[in-house]
Amino acid sequence: MSKVAVVILNFNGQEFLEQYLPSVENNLSEDAEIIVVDNASTDDSMAWLIENKPSLRLISLEKNFGYAGGYNRALQDIEAEYYLLLNSDVEVGEAWMRPLVNLLDSNPRVAAVQPKIKAFEDPKKFEYAGASGGLLDKWGYPFCRGRVFDKIELDHGQYDDARKVFWATGAAFMIRSELFHKAGGFDDEFFAHMEEIDLCWRLQHMGYEIWV
């Protein structure tokens, strides 16, 4: 059993896999493995993976269950201490995973954590999906440190501190596998979007924290 399972959910994403998967492979910790889960793609992404990435573990689902349902089904068959759910269109850097693992190793109250995420097309800016940690306003609207609705901030290092937040983005989401299952996983009703906020909310009701 690996310490970390980096699980990438794919749906018709051959172009993303070709462009971004090498960065994940080239910056993988020794105690981690990559698993690609396919949500019944109709493109050639699975054939491309079989031909070009024969050493990777692949899981094929019988239909498109969405983000929530796809991960829920795949993670039932994946054993690891930590799951790192990673979007297929994310490029990672050197040693990107180590701070996340170190935080979970050192603080048992932390259930899930995300890294800071910047825009691929313009790395001076934060990425819309998660930026540097998610919060909720008093009406329940989600926003991020670095992104409020459609306003995206430039990254000047203003959110480089590790701290507790309300939710961590599903684009790069590391969680203790035991707690993922204990909390009941994602709610399939969300299909895609907001499922990670709901899960983080439930984890906090269980007495745990979410960090960036």
Foldseek 3Di string as FASTA:
>chain_A
DAQEEAEEEDAQPQVLQVPAVVLCVVADDPRYAYEYEYAPHPDCNVVCCCVPVVPHHYHYDPHRLFPQVRCLVVLVPDDHQKYKYAYSNDHDDHPRCVVQVVVVVVDVQAFKEFDAAADPVDRQKGDQQFHQAWAADPVGDIAHDQGDPHDGDGPPVPRVDKDFHQFGGSNTMMGGSVLCVVLPHFDSVVRDPPRRNVSSNSSVVVVGTYID
